[in-house]
Amino acid sequence: IVAAAVCAAACLLPGSAGAQDTLQRPGALARTPSYASLIASLAATPAATEKVSNRTVTATDIRVVDVTTIMGSESDEPIKAALDQHKDAIAALRAAIGKNMAYTVALAGHKDKPEAKDVVAVDILDNGDVLVYFKK
């Protein structure tokens, strides 16, 4: 609920709607970016890496999410622990993203211009929507 309120508030503030590029594509997301989906995505990094390497997507299928926009009052410690626990899998994910032009284009289209090295997790949904979480 807190994450949803933060996201809703960010959408209403002038100039901050671009902070999370999930709103640039029309249509509803099958899953809204959230702290919980980020934590789940971190744990599923090996599967995401395989999908990034093998599934064809376009840059318009990809929503780029700044981790700071979904944190709300949540602790950063679980994310730090997951990044450390899954560091090898995340390195492989970043390498796969760096080789995939659709992801490179989507990242470059975000206002903060994250790169593959900034990606911490990817959530690839069966309907084609892709959430790419980054932290600079």
C-alpha atoms as a PDB file:
ATOM      1  CA  ILE A   1       0.000   0.000   0.000  1.00  0.00           C
ATOM      2  CA  VAL A   2       2.827   2.391   0.862  1.00  0.00           C
ATOM      3  CA  ALA A   3       4.595   1.699  -2.450  1.00  0.00           C
ATOM      4  CA  ALA A   4       1.358   2.304  -4.348  1.00  0.00           C
ATOM      5  CA  ALA A   5       0.809   5.585  -2.514  1.00  0.00           C
ATOM      6  CA  VAL A   6       4.353   6.712  -3.257  1.00  0.00           C
ATOM      7  CA  CYS A   7       3.922   5.828  -6.925  1.00  0.00           C
ATOM      8  CA  ALA A   8       0.580   7.643  -7.075  1.00  0.00           C
ATOM      9  CA  ALA A   9       2.056  10.711  -5.389  1.00  0.00           C
ATOM     10  CA  ALA A  10       4.998  10.723  -7.789  1.00  0.00           C
ATOM     11  CA  CYS A  11       2.604  10.720 -10.721  1.00  0.00           C
ATOM     12  CA  LEU A  12       0.832  13.806  -9.395  1.00  0.00           C
ATOM     13  CA  LEU A  13       3.925  15.912  -8.720  1.00  0.00           C
ATOM     14  CA  PRO A  14       5.045  18.095 -11.630  1.00  0.00           C
ATOM     15  CA  GLY A  15       8.151  16.811 -13.337  1.00  0.00           C
ATOM     16  CA  SER A  16       8.354  13.588 -11.340  1.00  0.00           C
ATOM     17  CA  ALA A  17       6.171  11.408 -13.553  1.00  0.00           C
ATOM     18  CA  GLY A  18       9.249  10.637 -15.620  1.00  0.00           C
ATOM     19  CA  ALA A  19      11.008   9.286 -12.543  1.00  0.00           C
ATOM     20  CA  GLN A  20       9.516   5.909 -13.305  1.00  0.00           C
ATOM     21  CA  ASP A  21       9.152   5.197 -16.991  1.00  0.00           C
ATOM     22  CA  THR A  22       6.450   2.612 -16.419  1.00  0.00           C
ATOM     23  CA  LEU A  23       3.818   5.197 -17.306  1.00  0.00           C
ATOM     24  CA  GLN A  24       5.065   5.968 -20.817  1.00  0.00           C
ATOM     25  CA  ARG A  25       3.443   3.006 -22.514  1.00  0.00           C
ATOM     26  CA  PRO A  26      -0.357   2.886 -22.762  1.00  0.00           C
ATOM     27  CA  GLY A  27      -2.192  -0.031 -21.256  1.00  0.00           C
ATOM     28  CA  ALA A  28      -2.188  -1.659 -17.873  1.00  0.00           C
ATOM     29  CA  LEU A  29       0.721  -3.562 -16.428  1.00  0.00           C
ATOM     30  CA  ALA A  30       0.099  -7.140 -15.451  1.00  0.00           C
ATOM     31  CA  ARG A  31       2.194  -6.421 -12.354  1.00  0.00           C
ATOM     32  CA  THR A  32       2.880  -3.002 -10.889  1.00  0.00           C
ATOM     33  CA  PRO A  33       6.505  -2.414  -9.936  1.00  0.00           C
ATOM     34  CA  SER A  34       6.841  -2.801  -6.187  1.00  0.00           C
ATOM     35  CA  TYR A  35       9.322  -3.534  -3.441  1.00  0.00           C
ATOM     36  CA  ALA A  36       7.920  -7.077  -3.177  1.00  0.00           C
ATOM     37  CA  SER A  37       8.244  -7.732  -6.927  1.00  0.00           C
ATOM     38  CA  LEU A  38      11.820  -6.414  -6.818  1.00  0.00           C
ATOM     39  CA  ILE A  39      12.762  -8.807  -3.990  1.00  0.00           C
ATOM     40  CA  ALA A  40      11.097 -11.712  -5.839  1.00  0.00           C
ATOM     41  CA  SER A  41      12.879 -10.745  -9.064  1.00  0.00           C
ATOM     42  CA  LEU A  42      16.257 -10.682  -7.330  1.00  0.00           C
ATOM     43  CA  ALA A  43      15.709 -14.264  -6.183  1.00  0.00           C
ATOM     44  CA  ALA A  44      14.728 -15.308  -9.726  1.00  0.00           C
ATOM     45  CA  THR A  45      17.742 -13.755 -11.475  1.00  0.00           C
ATOM     46  CA  PRO A  46      19.001 -16.973 -13.176  1.00  0.00           C
ATOM     47  CA  ALA A  47      15.609 -17.535 -14.823  1.00  0.00           C
ATOM     48  CA  ALA A  48      15.451 -13.872 -15.874  1.00  0.00           C
ATOM     49  CA  THR A  49      18.904 -14.113 -17.437  1.00  0.00           C
ATOM     50  CA  GLU A  50      17.786 -17.073 -19.525  1.00  0.00           C
ATOM     51  CA  LYS A  51      14.687 -15.184 -20.662  1.00  0.00           C
ATOM     52  CA  VAL A  52      16.676 -12.036 -21.503  1.00  0.00           C
ATOM     53  CA  SER A  53      18.959 -14.176 -23.663  1.00  0.00           C
ATOM     54  CA  ASN A  54      16.252 -16.256 -25.346  1.00  0.00           C
ATOM     55  CA  ARG A  55      12.991 -14.288 -25.509  1.00  0.00           C
ATOM     56  CA  THR A  56      12.416 -11.654 -28.178  1.00  0.00           C
ATOM     57  CA  VAL A  57      11.068  -8.374 -26.817  1.00  0.00           C
ATOM     58  CA  THR A  58      10.975  -4.825 -28.108  1.00  0.00           C
ATOM     59  CA  ALA A  59      12.038  -1.725 -26.213  1.00  0.00           C
ATOM     60  CA  THR A  60       8.352  -0.780 -25.903  1.00  0.00           C
ATOM     61  CA  ASP A  61       7.715  -4.018 -23.955  1.00  0.00           C
ATOM     62  CA  ILE A  62      10.246  -2.937 -21.324  1.00  0.00           C
ATOM     63  CA  ARG A  63       9.459  -0.700 -18.351  1.00  0.00           C
ATOM     64  CA  VAL A  64      12.554   0.747 -16.672  1.00  0.00           C
ATOM     65  CA  VAL A  65      12.103   1.280 -12.928  1.00  0.00           C
ATOM     66  CA  ASP A  66      14.394   3.229 -10.613  1.00  0.00           C
ATOM     67  CA  VAL A  67      14.570   1.221  -7.373  1.00  0.00           C
ATOM     68  CA  THR A  68      14.432   4.428  -5.315  1.00  0.00           C
ATOM     69  CA  THR A  69      10.919   5.165  -6.648  1.00  0.00           C
ATOM     70  CA  ILE A  70       9.464   2.005  -5.099  1.00  0.00           C
ATOM     71  CA  MET A  71      11.317   1.916  -1.783  1.00  0.00           C
ATOM     72  CA  GLY A  72       8.837   3.922   0.267  1.00  0.00           C
ATOM     73  CA  SER A  73       9.640   3.265   3.929  1.00  0.00           C
ATOM     74  CA  GLU A  74      11.066  -0.197   3.215  1.00  0.00           C
ATOM     75  CA  SER A  75      14.568  -1.094   4.362  1.00  0.00           C
ATOM     76  CA  ASP A  76      17.415  -1.190   1.855  1.00  0.00           C
ATOM     77  CA  GLU A  77      19.053  -4.076   3.768  1.00  0.00           C
ATOM     78  CA  PRO A  78      17.133  -6.948   2.098  1.00  0.00           C
ATOM     79  CA  ILE A  79      18.080  -5.547  -1.309  1.00  0.00           C
ATOM     80  CA  LYS A  80      21.747  -5.223  -0.328  1.00  0.00           C
ATOM     81  CA  ALA A  81      21.724  -8.786   1.035  1.00  0.00           C
ATOM     82  CA  ALA A  82      20.068 -10.140  -2.135  1.00  0.00           C
ATOM     83  CA  LEU A  83      22.535  -8.252  -4.352  1.00  0.00           C
ATOM     84  CA  ASP A  84      25.397  -9.811  -2.426  1.00  0.00           C
ATOM     85  CA  GLN A  85      23.821 -13.290  -2.361  1.00  0.00           C
ATOM     86  CA  HIS A  86      23.070 -13.267  -6.101  1.00  0.00           C
ATOM     87  CA  LYS A  87      26.083 -11.230  -7.303  1.00  0.00           C
ATOM     88  CA  ASP A  88      27.291 -13.851  -9.802  1.00  0.00           C
ATOM     89  CA  ALA A  89      23.799 -14.323 -11.247  1.00  0.00           C
ATOM     90  CA  ILE A  90      23.330 -10.541 -11.452  1.00  0.00           C
ATOM     91  CA  ALA A  91      26.667 -10.210 -13.285  1.00  0.00           C
ATOM     92  CA  ALA A  92      25.412 -12.760 -15.836  1.00  0.00           C
ATOM     93  CA  LEU A  93      22.104 -10.876 -16.124  1.00  0.00           C
ATOM     94  CA  ARG A  94      23.930  -7.600 -16.760  1.00  0.00           C
ATOM     95  CA  ALA A  95      26.062  -9.269 -19.446  1.00  0.00           C
ATOM     96  CA  ALA A  96      22.936 -10.634 -21.161  1.00  0.00           C
ATOM     97  CA  ILE A  97      21.260  -7.205 -21.028  1.00  0.00           C
ATOM     98  CA  GLY A  98      24.361  -5.573 -22.489  1.00  0.00           C
ATOM     99  CA  LYS A  99      24.136  -7.915 -25.479  1.00  0.00           C
ATOM    100  CA  ASN A 100      20.403  -7.339 -26.074  1.00  0.00           C
ATOM    101  CA  MET A 101      19.656  -4.202 -28.104  1.00  0.00           C
ATOM    102  CA  ALA A 102      16.025  -3.917 -26.931  1.00  0.00           C
ATOM    103  CA  TYR A 103      17.167  -3.622 -23.312  1.00  0.00           C
ATOM    104  CA  THR A 104      19.965  -1.204 -24.211  1.00  0.00           C
ATOM    105  CA  VAL A 105      17.500   1.044 -26.050  1.00  0.00           C
ATOM    106  CA  ALA A 106      14.964   0.907 -23.201  1.00  0.00           C
ATOM    107  CA  LEU A 107      17.600   1.819 -20.612  1.00  0.00           C
ATOM    108  CA  ALA A 108      18.872   4.696 -22.761  1.00  0.00           C
ATOM    109  CA  GLY A 109      15.317   6.015 -23.019  1.00  0.00           C
ATOM    110  CA  HIS A 110      14.991   6.516 -19.245  1.00  0.00           C
ATOM    111  CA  LYS A 111      15.640  10.020 -17.950  1.00  0.00           C
ATOM    112  CA  ASP A 112      18.471   8.792 -15.694  1.00  0.00           C
ATOM    113  CA  LYS A 113      20.203   6.932 -18.550  1.00  0.00           C
ATOM    114  CA  PRO A 114      21.002   3.750 -16.596  1.00  0.00           C
ATOM    115  CA  GLU A 115      23.301   1.194 -18.171  1.00  0.00           C
ATOM    116  CA  ALA A 116      23.403  -2.584 -17.966  1.00  0.00           C
ATOM    117  CA  LYS A 117      25.834  -2.292 -15.024  1.00  0.00           C
ATOM    118  CA  ASP A 118      23.099  -0.461 -13.041  1.00  0.00           C
ATOM    119  CA  VAL A 119      20.467  -3.202 -13.478  1.00  0.00           C
ATOM    120  CA  VAL A 120      19.745  -5.163 -10.296  1.00  0.00           C
ATOM    121  CA  ALA A 121      16.780  -7.291 -11.396  1.00  0.00           C
ATOM    122  CA  VAL A 122      14.456  -8.074 -14.279  1.00  0.00           C
ATOM    123  CA  ASP A 123      10.886  -9.319 -14.004  1.00  0.00           C
ATOM    124  CA  ILE A 124       9.704 -10.860 -17.289  1.00  0.00           C
ATOM    125  CA  LEU A 125       6.015 -11.609 -17.268  1.00  0.00           C
ATOM    126  CA  ASP A 126       4.383 -14.255 -19.446  1.00  0.00           C
ATOM    127  CA  ASN A 127       2.275 -11.641 -21.268  1.00  0.00           C
ATOM    128  CA  GLY A 128       5.416  -9.937 -22.583  1.00  0.00           C
ATOM    129  CA  ASP A 129       5.700  -7.060 -20.120  1.00  0.00           C
ATOM    130  CA  VAL A 130       9.208  -6.643 -18.732  1.00  0.00           C
ATOM    131  CA  LEU A 131      10.171  -4.684 -15.624  1.00  0.00           C
ATOM    132  CA  VAL A 132      13.848  -3.741 -15.438  1.00  0.00           C
ATOM    133  CA  TYR A 133      14.892  -2.496 -12.001  1.00  0.00           C
ATOM    134  CA  PHE A 134      18.012  -0.359 -11.763  1.00  0.00           C
ATOM    135  CA  LYS A 135      19.912   1.337  -8.974  1.00  0.00           C
ATOM    136  CA  LYS A 136      22.625   3.912  -9.600  1.00  0.00           C
END
